[in-house]
Amino acid sequence: MTAVTMYSTTWCGYCHRLKSQLDREGIAYQVIDIEKTPGAAEIVEAVNNGNQTVPTLVYADGSAHTNPSVAQVRAKLAAL
């Protein structure tokens, strides 16, 4: 199990950028497309005040970041 799940879409430029940064850093993550996975959009809306904002990252502890920097992701994972 990965420590972070990224909720994304295929057309999101911010999502592609963050994926590339996480890949370069060697940070493992699971990607869930909110347009193809039933219930995924509702998870994103729940942590973003009703908005389908991506990328939204959900961590193993249940906390979330919306459009975080790779430094924020690294810091969160180090704290887990």
PDB file of N, CA and C in Angstrom:
ATOM      1  N   MET A   1       0.839  -1.189   0.000  1.00  0.00           N
ATOM      2  CA  MET A   1       0.000   0.000   0.000  1.00  0.00           C
ATOM      3  C   MET A   1       0.880   1.247   0.000  1.00  0.00           C
ATOM      4  N   THR A   2       0.530   2.214  -0.848  1.00  0.00           N
ATOM      5  CA  THR A   2       1.282   3.454  -0.872  1.00  0.00           C
ATOM      6  C   THR A   2       0.768   4.380   0.221  1.00  0.00           C
ATOM      7  N   ALA A   3       1.614   5.290   0.627  1.00  0.00           N
ATOM      8  CA  ALA A   3       1.261   6.223   1.700  1.00  0.00           C
ATOM      9  C   ALA A   3       0.449   7.401   1.194  1.00  0.00           C
ATOM     10  N   VAL A   4       0.340   7.540  -0.129  1.00  0.00           N
ATOM     11  CA  VAL A   4      -0.398   8.672  -0.678  1.00  0.00           C
ATOM     12  C   VAL A   4      -1.169   8.244  -1.934  1.00  0.00           C
ATOM     13  N   THR A   5      -2.377   8.770  -2.038  1.00  0.00           N
ATOM     14  CA  THR A   5      -3.222   8.556  -3.210  1.00  0.00           C
ATOM     15  C   THR A   5      -3.471   9.896  -3.861  1.00  0.00           C
ATOM     16  N   MET A   6      -3.226   9.977  -5.168  1.00  0.00           N
ATOM     17  CA  MET A   6      -3.472  11.206  -5.910  1.00  0.00           C
ATOM     18  C   MET A   6      -4.760  11.066  -6.709  1.00  0.00           C
ATOM     19  N   TYR A   7      -5.695  11.960  -6.444  1.00  0.00           N
ATOM     20  CA  TYR A   7      -6.914  12.045  -7.233  1.00  0.00           C
ATOM     21  C   TYR A   7      -6.631  13.033  -8.349  1.00  0.00           C
ATOM     22  N   SER A   8      -6.911  12.616  -9.577  1.00  0.00           N
ATOM     23  CA  SER A   8      -6.425  13.324 -10.748  1.00  0.00           C
ATOM     24  C   SER A   8      -7.419  13.211 -11.898  1.00  0.00           C
ATOM     25  N   THR A   9      -7.093  13.870 -13.006  1.00  0.00           N
ATOM     26  CA  THR A   9      -7.773  13.670 -14.287  1.00  0.00           C
ATOM     27  C   THR A   9      -6.698  13.551 -15.356  1.00  0.00           C
ATOM     28  N   THR A  10      -7.068  13.059 -16.528  1.00  0.00           N
ATOM     29  CA  THR A  10      -6.087  12.899 -17.594  1.00  0.00           C
ATOM     30  C   THR A  10      -5.662  14.232 -18.187  1.00  0.00           C
ATOM     31  N   TRP A  11      -6.506  15.256 -18.091  1.00  0.00           N
ATOM     32  CA  TRP A  11      -6.248  16.540 -18.748  1.00  0.00           C
ATOM     33  C   TRP A  11      -5.645  17.599 -17.821  1.00  0.00           C
ATOM     34  N   CYS A  12      -5.421  17.286 -16.567  1.00  0.00           N
ATOM     35  CA  CYS A  12      -4.957  18.264 -15.577  1.00  0.00           C
ATOM     36  C   CYS A  12      -3.447  18.480 -15.668  1.00  0.00           C
ATOM     37  N   GLY A  13      -3.031  19.665 -16.089  1.00  0.00           N
ATOM     38  CA  GLY A  13      -1.616  19.994 -16.190  1.00  0.00           C
ATOM     39  C   GLY A  13      -0.907  19.979 -14.847  1.00  0.00           C
ATOM     40  N   TYR A  14      -1.578  20.467 -13.797  1.00  0.00           N
ATOM     41  CA  TYR A  14      -0.983  20.462 -12.460  1.00  0.00           C
ATOM     42  C   TYR A  14      -0.744  19.031 -11.979  1.00  0.00           C
ATOM     43  N   CYS A  15      -1.652  18.144 -12.345  1.00  0.00           N
ATOM     44  CA  CYS A  15      -1.509  16.728 -11.969  1.00  0.00           C
ATOM     45  C   CYS A  15      -0.295  16.119 -12.661  1.00  0.00           C
ATOM     46  N   HIS A  16      -0.136  16.380 -13.957  1.00  0.00           N
ATOM     47  CA  HIS A  16       1.001  15.844 -14.700  1.00  0.00           C
ATOM     48  C   HIS A  16       2.315  16.368 -14.121  1.00  0.00           C
ATOM     49  N   ARG A  17       2.343  17.649 -13.773  1.00  0.00           N
ATOM     50  CA  ARG A  17       3.556  18.228 -13.201  1.00  0.00           C
ATOM     51  C   ARG A  17       3.907  17.562 -11.870  1.00  0.00           C
ATOM     52  N   LEU A  18       2.909  17.422 -10.992  1.00  0.00           N
ATOM     53  CA  LEU A  18       3.169  16.824  -9.687  1.00  0.00           C
ATOM     54  C   LEU A  18       3.592  15.365  -9.819  1.00  0.00           C
ATOM     55  N   LYS A  19       2.960  14.620 -10.732  1.00  0.00           N
ATOM     56  CA  LYS A  19       3.358  13.228 -10.960  1.00  0.00           C
ATOM     57  C   LYS A  19       4.826  13.153 -11.362  1.00  0.00           C
ATOM     58  N   SER A  20       5.250  14.022 -12.267  1.00  0.00           N
ATOM     59  CA  SER A  20       6.646  14.040 -12.714  1.00  0.00           C
ATOM     60  C   SER A  20       7.586  14.348 -11.554  1.00  0.00           C
ATOM     61  N   GLN A  21       7.210  15.299 -10.717  1.00  0.00           N
ATOM     62  CA  GLN A  21       8.036  15.662  -9.564  1.00  0.00           C
ATOM     63  C   GLN A  21       8.124  14.511  -8.565  1.00  0.00           C
ATOM     64  N   LEU A  22       6.999  13.863  -8.288  1.00  0.00           N
ATOM     65  CA  LEU A  22       7.010  12.729  -7.364  1.00  0.00           C
ATOM     66  C   LEU A  22       7.843  11.583  -7.924  1.00  0.00           C
ATOM     67  N   ASP A  23       7.734  11.343  -9.229  1.00  0.00           N
ATOM     68  CA  ASP A  23       8.536  10.297  -9.870  1.00  0.00           C
ATOM     69  C   ASP A  23      10.022  10.597  -9.715  1.00  0.00           C
ATOM     70  N   ARG A  24      10.433  11.847  -9.961  1.00  0.00           N
ATOM     71  CA  ARG A  24      11.844  12.236  -9.822  1.00  0.00           C
ATOM     72  C   ARG A  24      12.345  12.058  -8.393  1.00  0.00           C
ATOM     73  N   GLU A  25      11.457  12.299  -7.426  1.00  0.00           N
ATOM     74  CA  GLU A  25      11.820  12.179  -6.013  1.00  0.00           C
ATOM     75  C   GLU A  25      11.757  10.732  -5.512  1.00  0.00           C
ATOM     76  N   GLY A  26      11.217   9.835  -6.342  1.00  0.00           N
ATOM     77  CA  GLY A  26      11.093   8.439  -5.934  1.00  0.00           C
ATOM     78  C   GLY A  26       9.984   8.205  -4.927  1.00  0.00           C
ATOM     79  N   ILE A  27       8.988   9.080  -4.929  1.00  0.00           N
ATOM     80  CA  ILE A  27       7.862   8.962  -3.994  1.00  0.00           C
ATOM     81  C   ILE A  27       6.769   8.127  -4.664  1.00  0.00           C
ATOM     82  N   ALA A  28       6.414   7.019  -4.021  1.00  0.00           N
ATOM     83  CA  ALA A  28       5.381   6.125  -4.554  1.00  0.00           C
ATOM     84  C   ALA A  28       3.998   6.718  -4.278  1.00  0.00           C
ATOM     85  N   TYR A  29       3.111   6.569  -5.238  1.00  0.00           N
ATOM     86  CA  TYR A  29       1.746   7.068  -5.090  1.00  0.00           C
ATOM     87  C   TYR A  29       0.822   6.247  -5.975  1.00  0.00           C
ATOM     88  N   GLN A  30      -0.432   6.257  -5.612  1.00  0.00           N
ATOM     89  CA  GLN A  30      -1.474   5.608  -6.407  1.00  0.00           C
ATOM     90  C   GLN A  30      -2.277   6.723  -7.059  1.00  0.00           C
ATOM     91  N   VAL A  31      -2.632   6.565  -8.316  1.00  0.00           N
ATOM     92  CA  VAL A  31      -3.430   7.572  -9.024  1.00  0.00           C
ATOM     93  C   VAL A  31      -4.842   7.041  -9.217  1.00  0.00           C
ATOM     94  N   ILE A  32      -5.813   7.894  -8.902  1.00  0.00           N
ATOM     95  CA  ILE A  32      -7.213   7.568  -9.141  1.00  0.00           C
ATOM     96  C   ILE A  32      -7.811   8.690  -9.987  1.00  0.00           C
ATOM     97  N   ASP A  33      -8.324   8.336 -11.148  1.00  0.00           N
ATOM     98  CA  ASP A  33      -8.948   9.295 -12.054  1.00  0.00           C
ATOM     99  C   ASP A  33     -10.371   9.551 -11.574  1.00  0.00           C
ATOM    100  N   ILE A  34     -10.658  10.788 -11.216  1.00  0.00           N
ATOM    101  CA  ILE A  34     -11.983  11.100 -10.660  1.00  0.00           C
ATOM    102  C   ILE A  34     -13.091  11.041 -11.704  1.00  0.00           C
ATOM    103  N   GLU A  35     -12.705  11.025 -12.983  1.00  0.00           N
ATOM    104  CA  GLU A  35     -13.718  10.937 -14.035  1.00  0.00           C
ATOM    105  C   GLU A  35     -14.028   9.499 -14.434  1.00  0.00           C
ATOM    106  N   LYS A  36     -13.207   8.567 -13.977  1.00  0.00           N
ATOM    107  CA  LYS A  36     -13.402   7.165 -14.365  1.00  0.00           C
ATOM    108  C   LYS A  36     -13.704   6.243 -13.196  1.00  0.00           C
ATOM    109  N   THR A  37     -13.421   6.688 -11.976  1.00  0.00           N
ATOM    110  CA  THR A  37     -13.577   5.826 -10.809  1.00  0.00           C
ATOM    111  C   THR A  37     -14.810   6.247 -10.007  1.00  0.00           C
ATOM    112  N   PRO A  38     -15.819   5.380  -9.929  1.00  0.00           N
ATOM    113  CA  PRO A  38     -17.024   5.723  -9.170  1.00  0.00           C
ATOM    114  C   PRO A  38     -16.691   6.094  -7.723  1.00  0.00           C
ATOM    115  N   GLY A  39     -17.246   7.208  -7.265  1.00  0.00           N
ATOM    116  CA  GLY A  39     -17.063   7.657  -5.892  1.00  0.00           C
ATOM    117  C   GLY A  39     -15.854   8.541  -5.670  1.00  0.00           C
ATOM    118  N   ALA A  40     -14.920   8.562  -6.626  1.00  0.00           N
ATOM    119  CA  ALA A  40     -13.691   9.338  -6.442  1.00  0.00           C
ATOM    120  C   ALA A  40     -13.962  10.842  -6.425  1.00  0.00           C
ATOM    121  N   ALA A  41     -14.830  11.319  -7.308  1.00  0.00           N
ATOM    122  CA  ALA A  41     -15.133  12.756  -7.334  1.00  0.00           C
ATOM    123  C   ALA A  41     -15.743  13.202  -6.007  1.00  0.00           C
ATOM    124  N   GLU A  42     -16.537  12.347  -5.399  1.00  0.00           N
ATOM    125  CA  GLU A  42     -17.162  12.684  -4.119  1.00  0.00           C
ATOM    126  C   GLU A  42     -16.119  12.783  -3.006  1.00  0.00           C
ATOM    127  N   ILE A  43     -15.090  11.957  -3.052  1.00  0.00           N
ATOM    128  CA  ILE A  43     -14.008  12.044  -2.061  1.00  0.00           C
ATOM    129  C   ILE A  43     -13.298  13.389  -2.204  1.00  0.00           C
ATOM    130  N   VAL A  44     -12.994  13.768  -3.438  1.00  0.00           N
ATOM    131  CA  VAL A  44     -12.326  15.045  -3.694  1.00  0.00           C
ATOM    132  C   VAL A  44     -13.210  16.209  -3.241  1.00  0.00           C
ATOM    133  N   GLU A  45     -14.483  16.147  -3.553  1.00  0.00           N
ATOM    134  CA  GLU A  45     -15.408  17.207  -3.130  1.00  0.00           C
ATOM    135  C   GLU A  45     -15.468  17.318  -1.613  1.00  0.00           C
ATOM    136  N   ALA A  46     -15.411  16.194  -0.918  1.00  0.00           N
ATOM    137  CA  ALA A  46     -15.515  16.186   0.542  1.00  0.00           C
ATOM    138  C   ALA A  46     -14.363  16.929   1.204  1.00  0.00           C
ATOM    139  N   VAL A  47     -13.176  16.877   0.620  1.00  0.00           N
ATOM    140  CA  VAL A  47     -12.027  17.558   1.233  1.00  0.00           C
ATOM    141  C   VAL A  47     -11.756  18.930   0.629  1.00  0.00           C
ATOM    142  N   ASN A  48     -12.544  19.329  -0.382  1.00  0.00           N
ATOM    143  CA  ASN A  48     -12.345  20.609  -1.061  1.00  0.00           C
ATOM    144  C   ASN A  48     -13.607  21.469  -1.082  1.00  0.00           C
ATOM    145  N   ASN A  49     -14.362  21.431  -0.006  1.00  0.00           N
ATOM    146  CA  ASN A  49     -15.555  22.285   0.129  1.00  0.00           C
ATOM    147  C   ASN A  49     -16.498  22.189  -1.062  1.00  0.00           C
ATOM    148  N   GLY A  50     -16.689  20.957  -1.560  1.00  0.00           N
ATOM    149  CA  GLY A  50     -17.632  20.728  -2.650  1.00  0.00           C
ATOM    150  C   GLY A  50     -17.045  20.882  -4.042  1.00  0.00           C
ATOM    151  N   ASN A  51     -15.764  21.226  -4.144  1.00  0.00           N
ATOM    152  CA  ASN A  51     -15.123  21.424  -5.447  1.00  0.00           C
ATOM    153  C   ASN A  51     -14.360  20.178  -5.882  1.00  0.00           C
ATOM    154  N   GLN A  52     -14.344  19.948  -7.184  1.00  0.00           N
ATOM    155  CA  GLN A  52     -13.581  18.826  -7.747  1.00  0.00           C
ATOM    156  C   GLN A  52     -12.204  19.323  -8.171  1.00  0.00           C
ATOM    157  N   THR A  53     -11.411  19.773  -7.212  1.00  0.00           N
ATOM    158  CA  THR A  53     -10.094  20.332  -7.476  1.00  0.00           C
ATOM    159  C   THR A  53      -9.043  19.234  -7.456  1.00  0.00           C
ATOM    160  N   VAL A  54      -8.268  19.151  -8.539  1.00  0.00           N
ATOM    161  CA  VAL A  54      -7.187  18.172  -8.631  1.00  0.00           C
ATOM    162  C   VAL A  54      -5.897  18.889  -8.997  1.00  0.00           C
ATOM    163  N   PRO A  55      -4.750  18.371  -8.593  1.00  0.00           N
ATOM    164  CA  PRO A  55      -4.597  17.140  -7.847  1.00  0.00           C
ATOM    165  C   PRO A  55      -4.961  17.312  -6.378  1.00  0.00           C
ATOM    166  N   THR A  56      -5.650  16.328  -5.850  1.00  0.00           N
ATOM    167  CA  THR A  56      -5.892  16.236  -4.416  1.00  0.00           C
ATOM    168  C   THR A  56      -5.195  14.971  -3.952  1.00  0.00           C
ATOM    169  N   LEU A  57      -4.335  15.122  -2.951  1.00  0.00           N
ATOM    170  CA  LEU A  57      -3.619  13.980  -2.387  1.00  0.00           C
ATOM    171  C   LEU A  57      -4.220  13.634  -1.043  1.00  0.00           C
ATOM    172  N   VAL A  58      -4.476  12.348  -0.833  1.00  0.00           N
ATOM    173  CA  VAL A  58      -4.973  11.853   0.453  1.00  0.00           C
ATOM    174  C   VAL A  58      -3.919  10.892   0.990  1.00  0.00           C
ATOM    175  N   TYR A  59      -3.530  11.124   2.236  1.00  0.00           N
ATOM    176  CA  TYR A  59      -2.450  10.357   2.867  1.00  0.00           C
ATOM    177  C   TYR A  59      -3.018   9.213   3.700  1.00  0.00           C
ATOM    178  N   ALA A  60      -2.131   8.322   4.109  1.00  0.00           N
ATOM    179  CA  ALA A  60      -2.521   7.135   4.878  1.00  0.00           C
ATOM    180  C   ALA A  60      -3.247   7.491   6.164  1.00  0.00           C
ATOM    181  N   ASP A  61      -2.978   8.672   6.729  1.00  0.00           N
ATOM    182  CA  ASP A  61      -3.646   9.082   7.972  1.00  0.00           C
ATOM    183  C   ASP A  61      -4.997   9.754   7.726  1.00  0.00           C
ATOM    184  N   GLY A  62      -5.413   9.847   6.446  1.00  0.00           N
ATOM    185  CA  GLY A  62      -6.700  10.436   6.110  1.00  0.00           C
ATOM    186  C   GLY A  62      -6.657  11.925   5.830  1.00  0.00           C
ATOM    187  N   SER A  63      -5.514  12.571   6.067  1.00  0.00           N
ATOM    188  CA  SER A  63      -5.403  14.002   5.782  1.00  0.00           C
ATOM    189  C   SER A  63      -5.234  14.210   4.279  1.00  0.00           C
ATOM    190  N   ALA A  64      -5.430  15.448   3.823  1.00  0.00           N
ATOM    191  CA  ALA A  64      -5.380  15.730   2.395  1.00  0.00           C
ATOM    192  C   ALA A  64      -4.664  17.039   2.111  1.00  0.00           C
ATOM    193  N   HIS A  65      -4.099  17.121   0.913  1.00  0.00           N
ATOM    194  CA  HIS A  65      -3.502  18.335   0.361  1.00  0.00           C
ATOM    195  C   HIS A  65      -4.120  18.561  -1.008  1.00  0.00           C
ATOM    196  N   THR A  66      -4.412  19.805  -1.332  1.00  0.00           N
ATOM    197  CA  THR A  66      -4.893  20.130  -2.666  1.00  0.00           C
ATOM    198  C   THR A  66      -3.804  20.899  -3.392  1.00  0.00           C
ATOM    199  N   ASN A  67      -3.402  20.388  -4.549  1.00  0.00           N
ATOM    200  CA  ASN A  67      -2.356  20.967  -5.384  1.00  0.00           C
ATOM    201  C   ASN A  67      -1.107  21.323  -4.575  1.00  0.00           C
ATOM    202  N   PRO A  68      -0.556  20.359  -3.838  1.00  0.00           N
ATOM    203  CA  PRO A  68       0.616  20.649  -3.013  1.00  0.00           C
ATOM    204  C   PRO A  68       1.907  20.712  -3.841  1.00  0.00           C
ATOM    205  N   SER A  69       2.910  21.318  -3.255  1.00  0.00           N
ATOM    206  CA  SER A  69       4.246  21.255  -3.851  1.00  0.00           C
ATOM    207  C   SER A  69       4.862  19.914  -3.473  1.00  0.00           C
ATOM    208  N   VAL A  70       5.895  19.518  -4.186  1.00  0.00           N
ATOM    209  CA  VAL A  70       6.571  18.268  -3.851  1.00  0.00           C
ATOM    210  C   VAL A  70       7.207  18.390  -2.465  1.00  0.00           C
ATOM    211  N   ALA A  71       7.639  19.580  -2.076  1.00  0.00           N
ATOM    212  CA  ALA A  71       8.212  19.783  -0.731  1.00  0.00           C
ATOM    213  C   ALA A  71       7.160  19.534   0.345  1.00  0.00           C
ATOM    214  N   GLN A  72       5.925  19.968   0.104  1.00  0.00           N
ATOM    215  CA  GLN A  72       4.840  19.717   1.064  1.00  0.00           C
ATOM    216  C   GLN A  72       4.556  18.222   1.177  1.00  0.00           C
ATOM    217  N   VAL A  73       4.585  17.532   0.063  1.00  0.00           N
ATOM    218  CA  VAL A  73       4.337  16.085   0.075  1.00  0.00           C
ATOM    219  C   VAL A  73       5.452  15.380   0.843  1.00  0.00           C
ATOM    220  N   ARG A  74       6.691  15.739   0.548  1.00  0.00           N
ATOM    221  CA  ARG A  74       7.837  15.148   1.260  1.00  0.00           C
ATOM    222  C   ARG A  74       7.714  15.364   2.755  1.00  0.00           C
ATOM    223  N   ALA A  75       7.396  16.595   3.172  1.00  0.00           N
ATOM    224  CA  ALA A  75       7.280  16.920   4.593  1.00  0.00           C
ATOM    225  C   ALA A  75       6.164  16.125   5.247  1.00  0.00           C
ATOM    226  N   LYS A  76       5.038  15.993   4.575  1.00  0.00           N
ATOM    227  CA  LYS A  76       3.906  15.239   5.130  1.00  0.00           C
ATOM    228  C   LYS A  76       4.272  13.769   5.283  1.00  0.00           C
ATOM    229  N   LEU A  77       4.890  13.200   4.263  1.00  0.00           N
ATOM    230  CA  LEU A  77       5.271  11.786   4.334  1.00  0.00           C
ATOM    231  C   LEU A  77       6.301  11.542   5.432  1.00  0.00           C
ATOM    232  N   ALA A  78       7.204  12.489   5.638  1.00  0.00           N
ATOM    233  CA  ALA A  78       8.198  12.360   6.705  1.00  0.00           C
ATOM    234  C   ALA A  78       7.544  12.398   8.083  1.00  0.00           C
ATOM    235  N   ALA A  79       6.427  13.119   8.190  1.00  0.00           N
ATOM    236  CA  ALA A  79       5.730  13.247   9.468  1.00  0.00           C
ATOM    237  C   ALA A  79       4.859  12.035   9.788  1.00  0.00           C
ATOM    238  N   LEU A  80       4.536  11.243   8.787  1.00  0.00           N
ATOM    239  CA  LEU A  80       3.661  10.073   9.014  1.00  0.00           C
ATOM    240  C   LEU A  80       4.387   8.961   9.739  1.00  0.00           C
TER     241      LEU A  80
END
